[in-house]
Amino acid sequence: MTVGELIEQLQKESPSRLVVMAKDAEGNDHSPLYGFYAGHYKAHTTWSGEVQGDGEEPMIGAVPALVLSPVN
């Protein structure tokens, strides 16, 4: 999902809703959203990868990303 797609979906929701993140795709454990930061993401598999902050030189093959951080 891109930032644009996320914005489009979020605009349909009430701004007072709490944002909660699932630990995994199966919905095991959940945590409120703590914050986010811009960085670069390089996938190692279809379900996991590595992130670097925007101030670092991006890894080869990394793409710009918005990284969401859970409270827990």
PDB file of N, CA and C in Angstrom:
ATOM      1  N   MET A   1       0.846  -1.173   0.000  1.00  0.00           N
ATOM      2  CA  MET A   1       0.000   0.000   0.000  1.00  0.00           C
ATOM      3  C   MET A   1       0.892   1.237   0.000  1.00  0.00           C
ATOM      4  N   THR A   2       0.521   2.204  -0.789  1.00  0.00           N
ATOM      5  CA  THR A   2       1.274   3.459  -0.844  1.00  0.00           C
ATOM      6  C   THR A   2       0.659   4.481   0.111  1.00  0.00           C
ATOM      7  N   VAL A   3       1.367   5.567   0.360  1.00  0.00           N
ATOM      8  CA  VAL A   3       0.845   6.648   1.205  1.00  0.00           C
ATOM      9  C   VAL A   3      -0.452   7.190   0.604  1.00  0.00           C
ATOM     10  N   GLY A   4      -0.483   7.362  -0.714  1.00  0.00           N
ATOM     11  CA  GLY A   4      -1.679   7.859  -1.378  1.00  0.00           C
ATOM     12  C   GLY A   4      -2.878   6.949  -1.158  1.00  0.00           C
ATOM     13  N   GLU A   5      -2.671   5.639  -1.268  1.00  0.00           N
ATOM     14  CA  GLU A   5      -3.750   4.677  -1.039  1.00  0.00           C
ATOM     15  C   GLU A   5      -4.211   4.715   0.412  1.00  0.00           C
ATOM     16  N   LEU A   6      -3.263   4.845   1.343  1.00  0.00           N
ATOM     17  CA  LEU A   6      -3.611   4.935   2.762  1.00  0.00           C
ATOM     18  C   LEU A   6      -4.429   6.191   3.045  1.00  0.00           C
ATOM     19  N   ILE A   7      -4.004   7.325   2.492  1.00  0.00           N
ATOM     20  CA  ILE A   7      -4.733   8.579   2.686  1.00  0.00           C
ATOM     21  C   ILE A   7      -6.161   8.445   2.149  1.00  0.00           C
ATOM     22  N   GLU A   8      -6.293   7.866   0.977  1.00  0.00           N
ATOM     23  CA  GLU A   8      -7.617   7.685   0.380  1.00  0.00           C
ATOM     24  C   GLU A   8      -8.525   6.870   1.300  1.00  0.00           C
ATOM     25  N   GLN A   9      -8.001   5.804   1.873  1.00  0.00           N
ATOM     26  CA  GLN A   9      -8.791   4.973   2.778  1.00  0.00           C
ATOM     27  C   GLN A   9      -9.093   5.695   4.090  1.00  0.00           C
ATOM     28  N   LEU A  10      -8.097   6.414   4.628  1.00  0.00           N
ATOM     29  CA  LEU A  10      -8.281   7.112   5.905  1.00  0.00           C
ATOM     30  C   LEU A  10      -9.288   8.243   5.797  1.00  0.00           C
ATOM     31  N   GLN A  11      -9.399   8.868   4.636  1.00  0.00           N
ATOM     32  CA  GLN A  11     -10.339   9.977   4.458  1.00  0.00           C
ATOM     33  C   GLN A  11     -11.795   9.528   4.584  1.00  0.00           C
ATOM     34  N   LYS A  12     -12.042   8.235   4.471  1.00  0.00           N
ATOM     35  CA  LYS A  12     -13.390   7.684   4.601  1.00  0.00           C
ATOM     36  C   LYS A  12     -13.762   7.423   6.061  1.00  0.00           C
ATOM     37  N   GLU A  13     -12.798   7.529   6.966  1.00  0.00           N
ATOM     38  CA  GLU A  13     -13.006   7.185   8.375  1.00  0.00           C
ATOM     39  C   GLU A  13     -13.145   8.424   9.255  1.00  0.00           C
ATOM     40  N   SER A  14     -13.702   8.213  10.433  1.00  0.00           N
ATOM     41  CA  SER A  14     -13.816   9.287  11.424  1.00  0.00           C
ATOM     42  C   SER A  14     -12.423   9.633  11.942  1.00  0.00           C
ATOM     43  N   PRO A  15     -12.072  10.923  12.015  1.00  0.00           N
ATOM     44  CA  PRO A  15     -10.750  11.302  12.501  1.00  0.00           C
ATOM     45  C   PRO A  15     -10.544  11.011  13.990  1.00  0.00           C
ATOM     46  N   SER A  16     -11.591  10.659  14.709  1.00  0.00           N
ATOM     47  CA  SER A  16     -11.442  10.371  16.135  1.00  0.00           C
ATOM     48  C   SER A  16     -11.124   8.900  16.414  1.00  0.00           C
ATOM     49  N   ARG A  17     -11.093   8.049  15.377  1.00  0.00           N
ATOM     50  CA  ARG A  17     -10.785   6.628  15.583  1.00  0.00           C
ATOM     51  C   ARG A  17      -9.331   6.436  15.996  1.00  0.00           C
ATOM     52  N   LEU A  18      -9.103   5.525  16.932  1.00  0.00           N
ATOM     53  CA  LEU A  18      -7.750   5.135  17.341  1.00  0.00           C
ATOM     54  C   LEU A  18      -7.145   4.252  16.261  1.00  0.00           C
ATOM     55  N   VAL A  19      -5.866   4.431  15.953  1.00  0.00           N
ATOM     56  CA  VAL A  19      -5.171   3.577  14.988  1.00  0.00           C
ATOM     57  C   VAL A  19      -4.469   2.474  15.771  1.00  0.00           C
ATOM     58  N   VAL A  20      -4.811   1.220  15.437  1.00  0.00           N
ATOM     59  CA  VAL A  20      -4.264   0.044  16.117  1.00  0.00           C
ATOM     60  C   VAL A  20      -3.590  -0.835  15.076  1.00  0.00           C
ATOM     61  N   MET A  21      -2.409  -1.347  15.408  1.00  0.00           N
ATOM     62  CA  MET A  21      -1.661  -2.202  14.493  1.00  0.00           C
ATOM     63  C   MET A  21      -1.685  -3.640  14.979  1.00  0.00           C
ATOM     64  N   ALA A  22      -1.851  -4.584  14.045  1.00  0.00           N
ATOM     65  CA  ALA A  22      -1.749  -6.001  14.368  1.00  0.00           C
ATOM     66  C   ALA A  22      -0.285  -6.414  14.339  1.00  0.00           C
ATOM     67  N   LYS A  23       0.070  -7.354  15.189  1.00  0.00           N
ATOM     68  CA  LYS A  23       1.436  -7.858  15.239  1.00  0.00           C
ATOM     69  C   LYS A  23       1.783  -8.611  13.960  1.00  0.00           C
ATOM     70  N   ASP A  24       0.773  -9.295  13.391  1.00  0.00           N
ATOM     71  CA  ASP A  24       0.988 -10.058  12.168  1.00  0.00           C
ATOM     72  C   ASP A  24      -0.306 -10.131  11.365  1.00  0.00           C
ATOM     73  N   ALA A  25      -0.237 -10.708  10.163  1.00  0.00           N
ATOM     74  CA  ALA A  25      -1.398 -10.765   9.275  1.00  0.00           C
ATOM     75  C   ALA A  25      -2.533 -11.614   9.838  1.00  0.00           C
ATOM     76  N   GLU A  26      -2.219 -12.528  10.745  1.00  0.00           N
ATOM     77  CA  GLU A  26      -3.240 -13.381  11.338  1.00  0.00           C
ATOM     78  C   GLU A  26      -4.009 -12.664  12.444  1.00  0.00           C
ATOM     79  N   GLY A  27      -3.553 -11.489  12.859  1.00  0.00           N
ATOM     80  CA  GLY A  27      -4.238 -10.732  13.898  1.00  0.00           C
ATOM     81  C   GLY A  27      -3.890 -11.162  15.314  1.00  0.00           C
ATOM     82  N   ASN A  28      -2.719 -11.741  15.496  1.00  0.00           N
ATOM     83  CA  ASN A  28      -2.256 -12.117  16.834  1.00  0.00           C
ATOM     84  C   ASN A  28      -1.676 -10.895  17.521  1.00  0.00           C
ATOM     85  N   ASP A  29      -2.267 -10.502  18.628  1.00  0.00           N
ATOM     86  CA  ASP A  29      -1.846  -9.336  19.402  1.00  0.00           C
ATOM     87  C   ASP A  29      -1.987  -8.043  18.601  1.00  0.00           C
ATOM     88  N   HIS A  30      -2.253  -6.970  19.319  1.00  0.00           N
ATOM     89  CA  HIS A  30      -2.458  -5.656  18.699  1.00  0.00           C
ATOM     90  C   HIS A  30      -1.846  -4.577  19.587  1.00  0.00           C
ATOM     91  N   SER A  31      -1.544  -3.431  18.989  1.00  0.00           N
ATOM     92  CA  SER A  31      -0.970  -2.302  19.722  1.00  0.00           C
ATOM     93  C   SER A  31      -1.399  -0.998  19.061  1.00  0.00           C
ATOM     94  N   PRO A  32      -1.654   0.057  19.843  1.00  0.00           N
ATOM     95  CA  PRO A  32      -1.940   1.360  19.247  1.00  0.00           C
ATOM     96  C   PRO A  32      -0.719   1.875  18.477  1.00  0.00           C
ATOM     97  N   LEU A  33      -0.990   2.711  17.489  1.00  0.00           N
ATOM     98  CA  LEU A  33       0.080   3.335  16.716  1.00  0.00           C
ATOM     99  C   LEU A  33       0.777   4.381  17.578  1.00  0.00           C
ATOM    100  N   TYR A  34       2.096   4.295  17.686  1.00  0.00           N
ATOM    101  CA  TYR A  34       2.889   5.258  18.454  1.00  0.00           C
ATOM    102  C   TYR A  34       3.266   6.454  17.589  1.00  0.00           C
ATOM    103  N   GLY A  35       3.681   6.180  16.380  1.00  0.00           N
ATOM    104  CA  GLY A  35       4.127   7.245  15.489  1.00  0.00           C
ATOM    105  C   GLY A  35       4.603   6.668  14.171  1.00  0.00           C
ATOM    106  N   PHE A  36       5.282   7.477  13.388  1.00  0.00           N
ATOM    107  CA  PHE A  36       5.802   7.021  12.102  1.00  0.00           C
ATOM    108  C   PHE A  36       7.019   7.854  11.728  1.00  0.00           C
ATOM    109  N   TYR A  37       7.789   7.340  10.794  1.00  0.00           N
ATOM    110  CA  TYR A  37       8.922   8.096  10.268  1.00  0.00           C
ATOM    111  C   TYR A  37       9.176   7.693   8.813  1.00  0.00           C
ATOM    112  N   ALA A  38       9.808   8.574   8.083  1.00  0.00           N
ATOM    113  CA  ALA A  38      10.154   8.303   6.693  1.00  0.00           C
ATOM    114  C   ALA A  38      11.485   7.580   6.643  1.00  0.00           C
ATOM    115  N   GLY A  39      11.593   6.643   5.736  1.00  0.00           N
ATOM    116  CA  GLY A  39      12.826   5.885   5.589  1.00  0.00           C
ATOM    117  C   GLY A  39      12.863   5.174   4.253  1.00  0.00           C
ATOM    118  N   HIS A  40      13.650   4.131   4.194  1.00  0.00           N
ATOM    119  CA  HIS A  40      13.760   3.290   3.003  1.00  0.00           C
ATOM    120  C   HIS A  40      13.605   1.841   3.437  1.00  0.00           C
ATOM    121  N   TYR A  41      12.901   1.053   2.615  1.00  0.00           N
ATOM    122  CA  TYR A  41      12.626  -0.346   2.919  1.00  0.00           C
ATOM    123  C   TYR A  41      13.200  -1.231   1.832  1.00  0.00           C
ATOM    124  N   LYS A  42      13.911  -2.280   2.257  1.00  0.00           N
ATOM    125  CA  LYS A  42      14.422  -3.283   1.335  1.00  0.00           C
ATOM    126  C   LYS A  42      13.859  -4.627   1.769  1.00  0.00           C
ATOM    127  N   ALA A  43      13.064  -5.232   0.891  1.00  0.00           N
ATOM    128  CA  ALA A  43      12.461  -6.527   1.201  1.00  0.00           C
ATOM    129  C   ALA A  43      13.505  -7.631   1.123  1.00  0.00           C
ATOM    130  N   HIS A  44      13.487  -8.524   2.111  1.00  0.00           N
ATOM    131  CA  HIS A  44      14.317  -9.734   2.078  1.00  0.00           C
ATOM    132  C   HIS A  44      13.474 -10.908   1.605  1.00  0.00           C
ATOM    133  N   THR A  45      12.168 -10.873   1.948  1.00  0.00           N
ATOM    134  CA  THR A  45      11.195 -11.863   1.506  1.00  0.00           C
ATOM    135  C   THR A  45       9.908 -11.096   1.212  1.00  0.00           C
ATOM    136  N   THR A  46       8.838 -11.802   0.875  1.00  0.00           N
ATOM    137  CA  THR A  46       7.561 -11.135   0.633  1.00  0.00           C
ATOM    138  C   THR A  46       6.921 -10.650   1.922  1.00  0.00           C
ATOM    139  N   TRP A  47       7.416 -11.062   3.084  1.00  0.00           N
ATOM    140  CA  TRP A  47       6.815 -10.669   4.366  1.00  0.00           C
ATOM    141  C   TRP A  47       7.769 -10.010   5.344  1.00  0.00           C
ATOM    142  N   SER A  48       9.006  -9.806   4.979  1.00  0.00           N
ATOM    143  CA  SER A  48       9.930  -9.154   5.906  1.00  0.00           C
ATOM    144  C   SER A  48      11.069  -8.475   5.166  1.00  0.00           C
ATOM    145  N   GLY A  49      11.662  -7.478   5.844  1.00  0.00           N
ATOM    146  CA  GLY A  49      12.763  -6.751   5.234  1.00  0.00           C
ATOM    147  C   GLY A  49      13.456  -5.853   6.238  1.00  0.00           C
ATOM    148  N   GLU A  50      14.219  -4.920   5.729  1.00  0.00           N
ATOM    149  CA  GLU A  50      15.054  -4.036   6.551  1.00  0.00           C
ATOM    150  C   GLU A  50      14.693  -2.584   6.265  1.00  0.00           C
ATOM    151  N   VAL A  51      14.751  -1.745   7.300  1.00  0.00           N
ATOM    152  CA  VAL A  51      14.414  -0.331   7.166  1.00  0.00           C
ATOM    153  C   VAL A  51      15.600   0.523   7.593  1.00  0.00           C
ATOM    154  N   GLN A  52      15.823   1.623   6.872  1.00  0.00           N
ATOM    155  CA  GLN A  52      16.810   2.631   7.242  1.00  0.00           C
ATOM    156  C   GLN A  52      16.110   3.975   7.313  1.00  0.00           C
ATOM    157  N   GLY A  53      16.552   4.830   8.207  1.00  0.00           N
ATOM    158  CA  GLY A  53      16.005   6.174   8.307  1.00  0.00           C
ATOM    159  C   GLY A  53      16.381   7.014   7.108  1.00  0.00           C
ATOM    160  N   ASP A  54      15.672   8.121   6.886  1.00  0.00           N
ATOM    161  CA  ASP A  54      15.913   8.985   5.735  1.00  0.00           C
ATOM    162  C   ASP A  54      17.295   9.630   5.733  1.00  0.00           C
ATOM    163  N   GLY A  55      17.928   9.776   6.884  1.00  0.00           N
ATOM    164  CA  GLY A  55      19.232  10.423   6.946  1.00  0.00           C
ATOM    165  C   GLY A  55      20.380   9.540   6.493  1.00  0.00           C
ATOM    166  N   GLU A  56      20.126   8.269   6.267  1.00  0.00           N
ATOM    167  CA  GLU A  56      21.172   7.332   5.865  1.00  0.00           C
ATOM    168  C   GLU A  56      21.166   7.128   4.347  1.00  0.00           C
ATOM    169  N   GLU A  57      22.296   6.690   3.816  1.00  0.00           N
ATOM    170  CA  GLU A  57      22.379   6.351   2.397  1.00  0.00           C
ATOM    171  C   GLU A  57      21.543   5.093   2.166  1.00  0.00           C
ATOM    172  N   PRO A  58      20.539   5.149   1.254  1.00  0.00           N
ATOM    173  CA  PRO A  58      19.682   3.982   1.036  1.00  0.00           C
ATOM    174  C   PRO A  58      20.462   2.771   0.537  1.00  0.00           C
ATOM    175  N   MET A  59      20.051   1.608   0.995  1.00  0.00           N
ATOM    176  CA  MET A  59      20.635   0.352   0.521  1.00  0.00           C
ATOM    177  C   MET A  59      20.250   0.158  -0.949  1.00  0.00           C
ATOM    178  N   ILE A  60      21.049  -0.571  -1.678  1.00  0.00           N
ATOM    179  CA  ILE A  60      20.718  -0.893  -3.063  1.00  0.00           C
ATOM    180  C   ILE A  60      19.420  -1.699  -3.068  1.00  0.00           C
ATOM    181  N   GLY A  61      18.476  -1.284  -3.885  1.00  0.00           N
ATOM    182  CA  GLY A  61      17.202  -1.978  -3.992  1.00  0.00           C
ATOM    183  C   GLY A  61      16.150  -1.507  -3.011  1.00  0.00           C
ATOM    184  N   ALA A  62      16.509  -0.579  -2.114  1.00  0.00           N
ATOM    185  CA  ALA A  62      15.539  -0.068  -1.140  1.00  0.00           C
ATOM    186  C   ALA A  62      14.630   0.960  -1.802  1.00  0.00           C
ATOM    187  N   VAL A  63      13.392   1.031  -1.316  1.00  0.00           N
ATOM    188  CA  VAL A  63      12.415   1.987  -1.842  1.00  0.00           C
ATOM    189  C   VAL A  63      11.973   2.919  -0.724  1.00  0.00           C
ATOM    190  N   PRO A  64      11.588   4.172  -1.052  1.00  0.00           N
ATOM    191  CA  PRO A  64      11.088   5.086  -0.029  1.00  0.00           C
ATOM    192  C   PRO A  64       9.866   4.484   0.662  1.00  0.00           C
ATOM    193  N   ALA A  65       9.794   4.656   1.980  1.00  0.00           N
ATOM    194  CA  ALA A  65       8.694   4.074   2.762  1.00  0.00           C
ATOM    195  C   ALA A  65       8.331   4.960   3.924  1.00  0.00           C
ATOM    196  N   LEU A  66       7.100   4.844   4.383  1.00  0.00           N
ATOM    197  CA  LEU A  66       6.640   5.465   5.607  1.00  0.00           C
ATOM    198  C   LEU A  66       6.523   4.332   6.626  1.00  0.00           C
ATOM    199  N   VAL A  67       7.276   4.400   7.713  1.00  0.00           N
ATOM    200  CA  VAL A  67       7.347   3.304   8.672  1.00  0.00           C
ATOM    201  C   VAL A  67       6.471   3.624   9.876  1.00  0.00           C
ATOM    202  N   LEU A  68       5.486   2.765  10.154  1.00  0.00           N
ATOM    203  CA  LEU A  68       4.593   2.934  11.290  1.00  0.00           C
ATOM    204  C   LEU A  68       5.157   2.179  12.488  1.00  0.00           C
ATOM    205  N   SER A  69       5.168   2.813  13.658  1.00  0.00           N
ATOM    206  CA  SER A  69       5.720   2.193  14.861  1.00  0.00           C
ATOM    207  C   SER A  69       4.619   1.964  15.897  1.00  0.00           C
ATOM    208  N   PRO A  70       4.479   0.735  16.423  1.00  0.00           N
ATOM    209  CA  PRO A  70       3.482   0.473  17.455  1.00  0.00           C
ATOM    210  C   PRO A  70       3.972   0.913  18.829  1.00  0.00           C
ATOM    211  N   VAL A  71       3.043   1.075  19.768  1.00  0.00           N
ATOM    212  CA  VAL A  71       3.408   1.407  21.147  1.00  0.00           C
ATOM    213  C   VAL A  71       4.206   0.238  21.751  1.00  0.00           C
ATOM    214  N   ASN A  72       3.755  -0.972  21.510  1.00  0.00           N
ATOM    215  CA  ASN A  72       4.428  -2.179  22.054  1.00  0.00           C
ATOM    216  C   ASN A  72       4.924  -3.054  20.949  1.00  0.00           C
TER     217      ASN A  72
END
